[in-house]
């Protein structure tokens, strides 16, 4: 009997991408995906450790899964990802019924470890660093099962060399390692051949991509290897791949942002006019305590440079409220910089200490939760004010959107994204096509819509016309036919 797996993902795009690879490996090993835990033989939890109480939530979930496992012989539980990398043997100490614990550096071993545990009992395998073999070093080198067929993440880099005081990523993902340039372009070409039209280049600090490659080339004797990032060159190369209509990337670091990246964005017809530009704080004192490597003034100067270079650029950001030692004056400076930056949106977070980070040792300077909450609410007002202004300015414009499918709240409404990554909702009925028949607007289609309304976090629109049908293959499930003799 074919075994079935259920995969639950927590955290960032890097975890989502790892989960695509885990699913691909399990299906290549003969498993089938289950729609829920009850139908599964194996449950895989791909964990995150960025947020506060992530560990409590995981162990609570594992305790509930103990009853699930006891219901049927042969069921297995797998814990993967960043929290597994951080907690290691603690996972099985707190949840002895877990069968496999693996970290961020050995995703390629998922199927093997599950099979090994089935034969020999529980396994914990946490590698200290990424494996050396090129074919398994990067998640994108492994088989994948993606949630959508029209867009895809492409890993260009793993790990991070920064030491931000609040961030656990370097400890669980390791140092920066750039993927070979030609491998990335080749993968995008394969994706385009399969009908993918939008790719997102993914890394912890994408705009430092290639520095280590250049350094290695220099050490190998290549005198023409310049010790600089190759990210702008990569944007240009990926942007001209036939069949790719949109290129995105996340996330850059402000201290490494260079004019050549803005120039590459401006020169490419496919690189989208969206920049996610994490600010974290507007206070120079707090930025220094975070070890961010830039000042508020430099941040705003580079932002202005980006907007001058790239027409109609949308800018989003990350901001942490209540970092240890943040005073009222520090927070006022954050409000001032956020207002000056006029962001299109922001991911705002209340500081949460993570074991293993410098900030977690600063307990004496933790900000009162009530104060942090009040600051958080004030910041959201500033962010939503600029977001709404940007959205209202788009009313009356005709925009091309990539259709994602029915809205989660109303199946009669389609959700889509502009090149600026703005969420757009419009009537699924669309307009009339040839011979008066309604257009079929499937996920992966491109369409022109007229913006008719605005809210801080989305736009409303009217369908105008279909500009491109999906090019990816649509898989139609085949039902087994039952023949009855007469």
Protein backbone atom coordinates (compact mmCIF):
# COMPACT_ATOMS: atom_id res chain seq x y z
CA UNK A 1 0.00 0.00 0.00
CA UNK A 2 1.29 3.46 -0.92
CA UNK A 3 2.24 5.53 2.11
CA UNK A 4 0.94 9.08 2.44
CA UNK A 5 2.51 12.16 4.00
CA UNK A 6 1.16 15.42 5.41
CA UNK A 7 3.50 18.41 5.47
CA UNK A 8 3.02 21.51 7.64
CA UNK A 9 5.27 24.55 7.11
CA UNK A 10 6.01 27.35 9.55
CA UNK A 11 7.92 30.56 8.88
CA UNK A 12 9.52 32.32 5.93
CA UNK A 13 9.83 31.78 2.18
CA UNK A 14 13.05 29.83 2.73
CA UNK A 15 11.08 27.30 4.78
CA UNK A 16 8.32 27.22 2.17
CA UNK A 17 10.94 26.49 -0.47
CA UNK A 18 12.51 23.76 1.68
CA UNK A 19 9.05 22.21 2.08
CA UNK A 20 8.62 22.08 -1.69
CA UNK A 21 11.82 20.06 -1.82
CA UNK A 22 10.81 17.79 1.04
CA UNK A 23 7.54 17.07 -0.76
CA UNK A 24 9.43 16.40 -3.98
CA UNK A 25 11.78 13.97 -2.27
CA UNK A 26 8.96 12.08 -0.57
CA UNK A 27 6.97 11.76 -3.77
CA UNK A 28 10.08 10.67 -5.66
CA UNK A 29 10.37 7.97 -2.97
CA UNK A 30 6.86 6.74 -3.82
CA UNK A 31 4.73 8.54 -1.23
CA UNK A 32 1.54 10.42 -1.99
CA UNK A 33 0.43 13.69 -0.44
CA UNK A 34 -2.42 13.54 2.09
CA UNK A 35 -4.85 16.43 2.53
CA UNK A 36 -4.89 16.12 6.32
CA UNK A 37 -3.17 14.37 9.21
CA UNK A 38 -5.87 11.73 9.63
CA UNK A 39 -5.18 10.35 6.15
CA UNK A 40 -1.40 10.39 6.57
CA UNK A 41 1.15 7.79 7.56
CA UNK A 42 3.89 10.39 8.01
CA UNK A 43 3.53 13.93 9.38
CA UNK A 44 6.38 16.33 8.66
CA UNK A 45 6.61 19.62 10.60
CA UNK A 46 9.04 22.05 8.92
CA UNK A 47 9.71 24.45 11.78
CA UNK A 48 10.70 28.08 12.30
CA UNK A 49 12.35 29.61 15.36
CA UNK A 50 12.11 33.33 14.57
CA UNK A 51 9.03 34.20 16.61
CA UNK A 52 8.49 34.08 20.34
CA UNK A 53 6.85 30.90 21.64
CA UNK A 54 7.62 29.03 18.40
CA UNK A 55 9.04 26.21 20.51
CA UNK A 56 6.00 26.06 22.81
CA UNK A 57 3.71 25.89 19.80
CA UNK A 58 5.76 23.08 18.28
CA UNK A 59 5.89 20.97 21.42
CA UNK A 60 2.18 21.50 21.99
CA UNK A 61 1.53 20.26 18.46
CA UNK A 62 3.83 17.28 19.00
CA UNK A 63 1.97 16.33 22.15
CA UNK A 64 -1.31 16.30 20.23
CA UNK A 65 0.32 14.19 17.51
CA UNK A 66 1.23 11.51 20.06
CA UNK A 67 -2.39 10.40 20.14
CA UNK A 68 -2.49 10.46 16.32
CA UNK A 69 0.58 8.21 16.16
CA UNK A 70 -0.80 5.77 18.73
CA UNK A 71 -3.99 5.27 16.71
CA UNK A 72 -2.29 3.23 13.97
CA UNK A 73 0.88 1.17 13.71
CA UNK A 74 3.54 2.47 11.35
CA UNK A 75 2.80 6.16 11.67
CA UNK A 76 5.84 8.45 11.86
CA UNK A 77 6.51 12.03 12.96
CA UNK A 78 9.30 14.13 11.43
CA UNK A 79 10.54 17.47 12.77
CA UNK A 80 12.66 19.49 10.32
CA UNK A 81 13.75 23.08 9.86
CA UNK A 82 15.25 25.88 11.92
CA UNK A 83 13.85 24.95 15.33
CA UNK A 84 15.07 21.39 14.84
CA UNK A 85 18.50 22.75 13.93
CA UNK A 86 18.53 24.92 17.07
CA UNK A 87 17.04 22.47 19.61
CA UNK A 88 18.65 19.27 18.28
CA UNK A 89 18.42 16.49 20.89
CA UNK A 90 15.99 18.58 22.94
CA UNK A 91 13.23 17.74 20.46
CA UNK A 92 13.29 14.05 21.36
CA UNK A 93 13.87 14.79 25.04
CA UNK A 94 10.62 16.76 25.12
CA UNK A 95 8.76 14.55 22.64
CA UNK A 96 10.15 11.03 22.74
CA UNK A 97 7.62 9.78 20.19
CA UNK A 98 9.21 11.79 17.35
CA UNK A 99 10.80 9.47 14.78
CA UNK A 100 13.10 11.78 12.81
CA UNK A 101 14.75 15.11 13.67
CA UNK A 102 16.71 16.78 10.85
CA UNK A 103 18.05 20.28 10.41
CA UNK A 104 18.42 22.90 7.71
CA UNK A 105 21.55 21.42 6.14
CA UNK A 106 20.31 17.92 5.30
CA UNK A 107 16.91 18.40 3.67
CA UNK A 108 18.18 16.15 0.89
CA UNK A 109 18.23 13.24 3.37
CA UNK A 110 14.56 13.44 4.39
CA UNK A 111 13.31 10.32 2.60
CA UNK A 112 16.36 8.29 3.63
CA UNK A 113 16.00 9.23 7.28
CA UNK A 114 12.29 8.34 7.29
CA UNK A 115 13.07 4.93 5.80
CA UNK A 116 15.95 4.42 8.22
CA UNK A 117 13.76 5.27 11.20
CA UNK A 118 11.11 2.84 9.99
CA UNK A 119 13.73 0.07 10.01
CA UNK A 120 15.88 0.93 13.03
CA UNK A 121 14.00 3.37 15.24
CA UNK A 122 14.31 7.11 16.02
CA UNK A 123 17.00 9.18 14.27
CA UNK A 124 18.38 12.64 15.00
CA UNK A 125 20.68 13.99 12.30
CA UNK A 126 21.78 17.63 12.59
CA UNK A 127 24.70 18.75 10.42
CA UNK A 128 26.85 21.68 11.55
CA UNK A 129 27.13 23.12 8.04
CA UNK A 130 25.85 22.65 4.53
CA UNK A 131 26.95 19.55 2.69
CA UNK A 132 29.62 20.03 0.06
CA UNK A 133 28.07 18.22 -2.90
CA UNK A 134 26.74 20.73 -5.42
CA UNK A 135 23.68 18.65 -6.25
CA UNK A 136 22.33 18.77 -2.68
CA UNK A 137 23.83 21.99 -1.35
CA UNK A 138 20.92 24.16 -2.48
CA UNK A 139 17.22 23.34 -2.07
CA UNK A 140 16.59 24.31 -5.70
CA UNK A 141 18.83 21.43 -6.82
CA UNK A 142 16.36 18.89 -5.39
CA UNK A 143 13.05 17.68 -6.88
CA UNK A 144 10.10 19.86 -5.90
CA UNK A 145 6.35 19.78 -5.52
CA UNK A 146 5.19 23.40 -5.76
CA UNK A 147 1.85 24.74 -4.61
CA UNK A 148 1.51 26.68 -7.87
CA UNK A 149 2.74 25.90 -11.38
CA UNK A 150 3.03 29.45 -12.75
CA UNK A 151 5.53 30.91 -10.27
CA UNK A 152 8.50 29.54 -8.39
CA UNK A 153 11.18 30.37 -5.86
CA UNK A 154 14.77 29.96 -6.95
CA UNK A 155 17.43 29.72 -4.26
CA UNK A 156 20.49 31.78 -5.17
CA UNK A 157 22.21 31.72 -1.79
CA UNK A 158 21.99 29.97 1.56
CA UNK A 159 23.09 31.19 4.97
CA UNK A 160 23.98 34.67 6.20
CA UNK A 161 27.24 36.38 7.19
CA UNK A 162 25.56 39.22 9.08
CA UNK A 163 25.31 39.21 12.86
CA UNK A 164 22.15 41.20 13.57
CA UNK A 165 21.60 41.11 17.33
CA UNK A 166 18.00 39.95 17.07
CA UNK A 167 18.38 37.25 14.41
CA UNK A 168 18.89 33.52 14.86
CA UNK A 169 19.27 32.81 11.12
CA UNK A 170 23.11 32.68 10.98
CA UNK A 171 23.07 30.09 13.78
CA UNK A 172 20.55 27.81 12.07
CA UNK A 173 21.32 28.45 8.40
CA UNK A 174 25.11 28.87 8.54
CA UNK A 175 27.41 31.24 6.61
CA UNK A 176 26.60 32.65 3.17
CA UNK A 177 27.22 30.30 0.26
CA UNK A 178 26.31 31.48 -3.24
CA UNK A 179 24.99 29.07 -5.81
CA UNK A 180 26.91 28.96 -9.11
CA UNK A 181 25.67 31.63 -11.52
CA UNK A 182 25.13 29.28 -14.45
CA UNK A 183 23.15 26.83 -12.29
CA UNK A 184 20.67 29.54 -11.35
CA UNK A 185 20.13 30.67 -14.93
CA UNK A 186 19.78 27.06 -16.06
CA UNK A 187 17.11 26.39 -13.45
CA UNK A 188 15.14 29.47 -14.50
CA UNK A 189 15.34 28.28 -18.10
CA UNK A 190 13.95 24.87 -17.05
CA UNK A 191 11.16 26.52 -15.10
CA UNK A 192 10.25 28.69 -18.08
CA UNK A 193 10.16 25.61 -20.30
CA UNK A 194 7.66 24.09 -17.84
CA UNK A 195 5.41 27.15 -18.13
CA UNK A 196 6.53 29.14 -15.09
CA UNK A 197 6.31 32.86 -15.89
CA UNK A 198 7.28 34.45 -12.55
CA UNK A 199 10.34 33.63 -10.44
CA UNK A 200 11.48 34.99 -7.09
CA UNK A 201 15.20 34.89 -6.36
CA UNK A 202 15.56 33.79 -2.78
CA UNK A 203 18.31 34.25 -0.20
CA UNK A 204 18.92 35.58 3.28
CA UNK A 205 20.86 38.55 1.87
CA UNK A 206 20.41 38.39 -1.89
CA UNK A 207 22.30 41.54 -2.80
CA UNK A 208 25.56 40.14 -1.43
CA UNK A 209 25.17 37.20 -3.84
CA UNK A 210 28.40 36.16 -5.52
CA UNK A 211 30.98 37.81 -3.30
CA UNK A 212 32.16 34.41 -2.09
CA UNK A 213 32.25 33.11 -5.68
CA UNK A 214 34.45 36.01 -6.73
CA UNK A 215 36.70 35.50 -3.71
CA UNK A 216 37.11 31.80 -4.54
CA UNK A 217 37.84 32.63 -8.17
CA UNK A 218 40.48 35.15 -7.10
CA UNK A 219 42.10 32.59 -4.83
CA UNK A 220 42.08 30.11 -7.73
CA UNK A 221 44.09 32.57 -9.81
CA UNK A 222 41.41 34.39 -11.82
CA UNK A 223 42.93 37.88 -11.86
CA UNK A 224 39.83 39.38 -13.51
CA UNK A 225 37.56 38.30 -10.63
CA UNK A 226 36.40 41.50 -8.96
CA UNK A 227 35.54 41.25 -5.28
CA UNK A 228 32.03 42.58 -5.60
CA UNK A 229 28.51 41.12 -5.51
CA UNK A 230 27.14 39.65 -8.74
CA UNK A 231 23.50 40.26 -7.93
CA UNK A 232 22.90 42.97 -10.54
CA UNK A 233 24.44 40.73 -13.21
CA UNK A 234 22.20 37.87 -12.08
CA UNK A 235 19.07 40.04 -12.28
CA UNK A 236 20.00 40.97 -15.84
CA UNK A 237 20.70 37.37 -16.88
CA UNK A 238 17.52 35.95 -15.36
CA UNK A 239 15.46 38.82 -16.75
CA UNK A 240 16.18 37.89 -20.37
CA UNK A 241 15.23 34.20 -20.06
CA UNK A 242 12.58 33.51 -22.70
CA UNK A 243 9.14 32.89 -21.21
CA UNK A 244 9.79 34.68 -17.91
CA UNK A 245 7.54 37.71 -17.58
CA UNK A 246 8.28 38.71 -13.98
CA UNK A 247 11.36 38.53 -11.76
CA UNK A 248 11.24 39.31 -8.04
CA UNK A 249 13.76 38.95 -5.23
CA UNK A 250 13.86 38.85 -1.45
CA UNK A 251 15.40 39.98 0.79
CA UNK A 252 18.21 42.50 0.36
CA UNK A 253 20.17 44.15 3.17
CA UNK A 254 20.34 47.97 3.13
CA UNK A 255 24.05 48.03 3.98
CA UNK A 256 24.81 46.06 0.80
CA UNK A 257 22.42 47.84 -1.58
CA UNK A 258 24.32 49.18 -4.60
CA UNK A 259 23.45 51.52 -7.48
CA UNK A 260 24.08 48.73 -10.01
CA UNK A 261 21.11 46.80 -8.57
CA UNK A 262 18.81 49.79 -9.12
CA UNK A 263 20.21 50.21 -12.63
CA UNK A 264 19.57 46.54 -13.43
CA UNK A 265 16.01 46.84 -12.15
CA UNK A 266 15.39 49.94 -14.25
CA UNK A 267 16.89 48.43 -17.41
CA UNK A 268 14.96 45.14 -17.27
CA UNK A 269 11.45 44.79 -18.61
CA UNK A 270 10.87 41.73 -16.45
CA UNK A 271 12.33 42.70 -13.05
CA UNK A 272 9.35 43.99 -11.07
CA UNK A 273 9.07 47.48 -9.65
CA UNK A 274 9.02 46.32 -6.05
CA UNK A 275 11.74 46.62 -3.43
CA UNK A 276 11.47 44.98 -0.04
CA UNK A 277 13.91 47.07 2.00
CA UNK A 278 14.08 46.08 5.69
CA UNK A 279 14.59 49.15 7.88
CA UNK A 280 14.12 47.55 11.36
CA UNK A 281 14.42 50.90 13.20
CA UNK A 282 14.70 54.60 12.49
CA UNK A 283 16.94 55.28 15.48
CA UNK A 284 20.66 55.32 14.78
CA UNK A 285 21.33 54.26 18.36
CA UNK A 286 19.09 51.21 18.03
CA UNK A 287 20.42 50.39 14.55
CA UNK A 288 23.92 50.34 16.02
CA UNK A 289 22.77 48.09 18.88
CA UNK A 290 21.19 45.79 16.28
CA UNK A 291 24.50 45.73 14.30
CA UNK A 292 22.69 46.69 11.12
CA UNK A 293 25.61 48.55 9.54
CA UNK A 294 23.79 51.65 8.31
CA UNK A 295 22.23 54.83 9.65
CA UNK A 296 18.70 56.14 9.15
CA UNK A 297 20.13 58.89 6.93
CA UNK A 298 21.94 56.40 4.72
CA UNK A 299 18.83 54.23 4.54
CA UNK A 300 16.69 57.15 3.32
CA UNK A 301 19.37 58.31 0.88
CA UNK A 302 19.55 54.88 -0.77
CA UNK A 303 15.77 54.68 -0.85
CA UNK A 304 15.59 58.04 -2.65
CA UNK A 305 18.21 56.77 -5.09
CA UNK A 306 16.13 53.67 -5.80
CA UNK A 307 13.01 55.71 -6.47
CA UNK A 308 14.89 58.03 -8.82
CA UNK A 309 16.25 55.06 -10.76
CA UNK A 310 13.13 52.84 -10.92
CA UNK A 311 9.89 54.42 -12.06
CA UNK A 312 6.70 53.55 -10.15
CA UNK A 313 8.66 51.68 -7.48
CA UNK A 314 6.72 50.21 -4.57
CA UNK A 315 8.69 49.86 -1.34
CA UNK A 316 7.89 47.59 1.60
CA UNK A 317 9.89 47.05 4.76
CA UNK A 318 10.35 45.25 8.09
CA UNK A 319 10.30 47.15 11.39
CA UNK A 320 10.87 45.82 14.90
CA UNK A 321 9.16 47.62 17.77
CA UNK A 322 10.48 47.37 21.33
CA UNK A 323 14.06 46.25 20.70
CA UNK A 324 15.89 46.15 24.08
CA UNK A 325 16.70 49.66 25.26
CA UNK A 326 14.35 51.41 22.82
CA UNK A 327 13.32 54.72 24.41
CA UNK A 328 10.42 57.00 23.57
CA UNK A 329 12.86 59.17 21.61
CA UNK A 330 14.16 56.15 19.66
CA UNK A 331 10.64 55.20 18.73
CA UNK A 332 9.74 58.75 17.68
CA UNK A 333 12.68 58.62 15.31
CA UNK A 334 11.31 55.39 13.85
CA UNK A 335 7.96 57.09 13.29
CA UNK A 336 9.72 60.02 11.61
CA UNK A 337 11.73 57.82 9.26
CA UNK A 338 8.70 55.64 8.44
CA UNK A 339 6.71 58.77 7.59
CA UNK A 340 9.55 60.14 5.45
CA UNK A 341 9.99 56.82 3.64
CA UNK A 342 6.27 56.65 2.73
CA UNK A 343 6.23 52.87 2.57
CA UNK A 344 3.67 50.98 0.51
CA UNK A 345 3.40 48.43 3.32
CA UNK A 346 5.41 47.08 6.22
CA UNK A 347 5.79 43.89 8.18
CA UNK A 348 5.83 45.21 11.73
CA UNK A 349 6.96 42.98 14.57
CA UNK A 350 7.04 43.24 18.33
CA UNK A 351 10.50 42.23 19.52
CA UNK A 352 10.70 38.68 20.79
CA UNK A 353 13.94 37.28 22.26
CA UNK A 354 15.35 34.17 20.66
CA UNK A 355 17.79 31.99 22.59
CA UNK A 356 21.17 32.09 20.93
CA UNK A 357 20.98 35.74 19.86
CA UNK A 358 22.73 38.70 21.47
CA UNK A 359 19.44 40.51 22.03
CA UNK A 360 18.14 37.63 24.16
CA UNK A 361 20.88 38.39 26.71
CA UNK A 362 19.69 41.99 27.12
CA UNK A 363 16.84 41.16 29.51
CA UNK A 364 17.61 44.14 31.77
CA UNK A 365 16.74 46.43 28.84
CA UNK A 366 13.55 44.71 27.66
CA UNK A 367 10.75 47.20 27.01
CA UNK A 368 7.51 46.94 28.97
CA UNK A 369 5.01 44.94 26.83
CA UNK A 370 2.27 47.54 27.36
CA UNK A 371 4.58 50.27 26.06
CA UNK A 372 5.59 48.14 23.09
CA UNK A 373 1.97 47.42 22.19
CA UNK A 374 1.08 51.11 22.27
CA UNK A 375 4.06 51.92 20.04
CA UNK A 376 3.16 49.11 17.67
CA UNK A 377 -0.36 50.50 17.21
CA UNK A 378 0.98 54.00 16.56
CA UNK A 379 3.40 52.69 13.95
CA UNK A 380 0.65 50.84 12.10
CA UNK A 381 -1.27 54.11 11.75
CA UNK A 382 1.73 55.74 10.06
CA UNK A 383 2.29 52.77 7.75
CA UNK A 384 -1.36 52.42 6.76
CA UNK A 385 -1.63 56.15 6.07
CA UNK A 386 1.13 56.05 3.45
CA UNK A 387 -0.07 52.69 2.09
CA UNK A 388 -3.58 54.04 1.54
CA UNK A 389 -2.23 57.18 -0.13
CA UNK A 390 -0.17 55.08 -2.56
CA UNK A 391 -3.19 52.90 -3.33
CA UNK A 392 -5.61 55.77 -3.81
CA UNK A 393 -3.17 57.29 -6.31
CA UNK A 394 -3.60 54.17 -8.47
CA UNK A 395 -7.38 54.51 -8.82
CA UNK A 396 -8.29 54.92 -12.48
CA UNK A 397 -5.11 53.26 -13.73
CA UNK A 398 -5.12 50.14 -15.88
CA UNK A 399 -2.68 47.56 -14.51
CA UNK A 400 -1.54 44.14 -15.66
CA UNK A 401 -1.99 41.54 -12.93
CA UNK A 402 -0.97 37.93 -12.47
CA UNK A 403 -4.05 35.99 -11.34
CA UNK A 404 -3.55 33.82 -8.25
CA UNK A 405 -7.05 32.31 -8.10
CA UNK A 406 -10.26 32.76 -6.13
CA UNK A 407 -10.16 34.93 -3.04
CA UNK A 408 -9.99 33.01 0.22
CA UNK A 409 -12.98 34.97 1.52
CA UNK A 410 -15.20 35.01 -1.58
CA UNK A 411 -14.87 32.49 -4.45
CA UNK A 412 -16.78 34.91 -6.71
CA UNK A 413 -13.78 37.25 -6.48
CA UNK A 414 -10.38 36.66 -8.05
CA UNK A 415 -7.14 37.70 -6.36
CA UNK A 416 -4.14 38.86 -8.35
CA UNK A 417 -0.86 40.76 -8.04
CA UNK A 418 0.47 43.80 -9.85
CA UNK A 419 4.12 44.12 -10.79
CA UNK A 420 4.47 46.17 -7.59
CA UNK A 421 3.25 43.09 -5.67
CA UNK A 422 0.02 44.80 -4.70
CA UNK A 423 -2.93 42.52 -3.98
CA UNK A 424 -5.90 43.18 -6.29
CA UNK A 425 -9.43 41.79 -6.02
CA UNK A 426 -11.81 41.78 -8.99
CA UNK A 427 -15.03 40.09 -10.11
CA UNK A 428 -14.35 36.52 -11.21
CA UNK A 429 -17.04 36.74 -13.88
CA UNK A 430 -14.76 38.98 -15.91
CA UNK A 431 -15.91 40.33 -19.24
CA UNK A 432 -17.11 38.80 -22.46
CA UNK A 433 -14.65 37.21 -24.83
CA UNK A 434 -15.09 36.01 -28.40
CA UNK A 435 -18.68 35.45 -29.52
CA UNK A 436 -19.93 36.93 -26.27
CA UNK A 437 -18.66 34.03 -24.18
CA UNK A 438 -17.18 34.95 -20.77
CA UNK A 439 -13.42 34.85 -20.39
CA UNK A 440 -12.01 31.95 -18.39
CA UNK A 441 -9.53 33.61 -16.06
CA UNK A 442 -7.50 30.77 -14.54
CA UNK A 443 -4.72 31.00 -12.01
CA UNK A 444 -1.53 31.87 -13.86
CA UNK A 445 -3.33 34.11 -16.35
CA UNK A 446 -2.30 37.69 -16.97
CA UNK A 447 -5.07 40.25 -17.26
CA UNK A 448 -5.59 43.97 -17.50
CA UNK A 449 -7.77 45.45 -14.77
CA UNK A 450 -8.87 48.98 -14.03
CA UNK A 451 -8.29 50.02 -10.42
CA UNK A 452 -11.59 51.22 -8.94
CA UNK A 453 -11.00 51.29 -5.18
CA UNK A 454 -8.32 51.27 -2.53
CA UNK A 455 -7.73 50.06 1.01
CA UNK A 456 -4.46 50.06 2.97
CA UNK A 457 -3.66 46.43 2.13
CA UNK A 458 -5.34 45.77 -1.22
CA UNK A 459 -6.87 47.29 -4.36
CA UNK A 460 -10.27 46.70 -5.95
CA UNK A 461 -10.56 46.51 -9.71
CA UNK A 462 -12.72 45.87 -12.78
CA UNK A 463 -11.70 43.24 -15.31
CA UNK A 464 -10.73 44.74 -18.68
CA UNK A 465 -9.23 41.95 -20.79
CA UNK A 466 -7.21 38.79 -20.70
CA UNK A 467 -3.67 39.38 -21.96
CA UNK A 468 -2.10 35.93 -21.57
CA UNK A 469 -3.44 32.50 -20.72
CA UNK A 470 -1.45 30.22 -18.41
CA UNK A 471 1.41 28.37 -20.10
CA UNK A 472 1.97 25.80 -17.38
CA UNK A 473 0.58 22.30 -17.72
CA UNK A 474 -2.78 21.70 -16.05
CA UNK A 475 -3.04 18.29 -14.45
CA UNK A 476 -6.56 16.86 -14.55
CA UNK A 477 -7.16 14.08 -12.02
CA UNK A 478 -8.30 10.84 -13.65
CA UNK A 479 -10.97 8.94 -11.75
CA UNK A 480 -10.99 5.17 -11.85
CA UNK A 481 -13.82 3.85 -13.99
CA UNK A 482 -15.88 0.94 -12.67
CA UNK A 483 -17.35 -1.33 -15.36
CA UNK A 484 -20.32 -3.51 -14.49
CA UNK A 485 -21.11 -6.57 -16.64
CA UNK A 486 -24.63 -6.64 -17.99
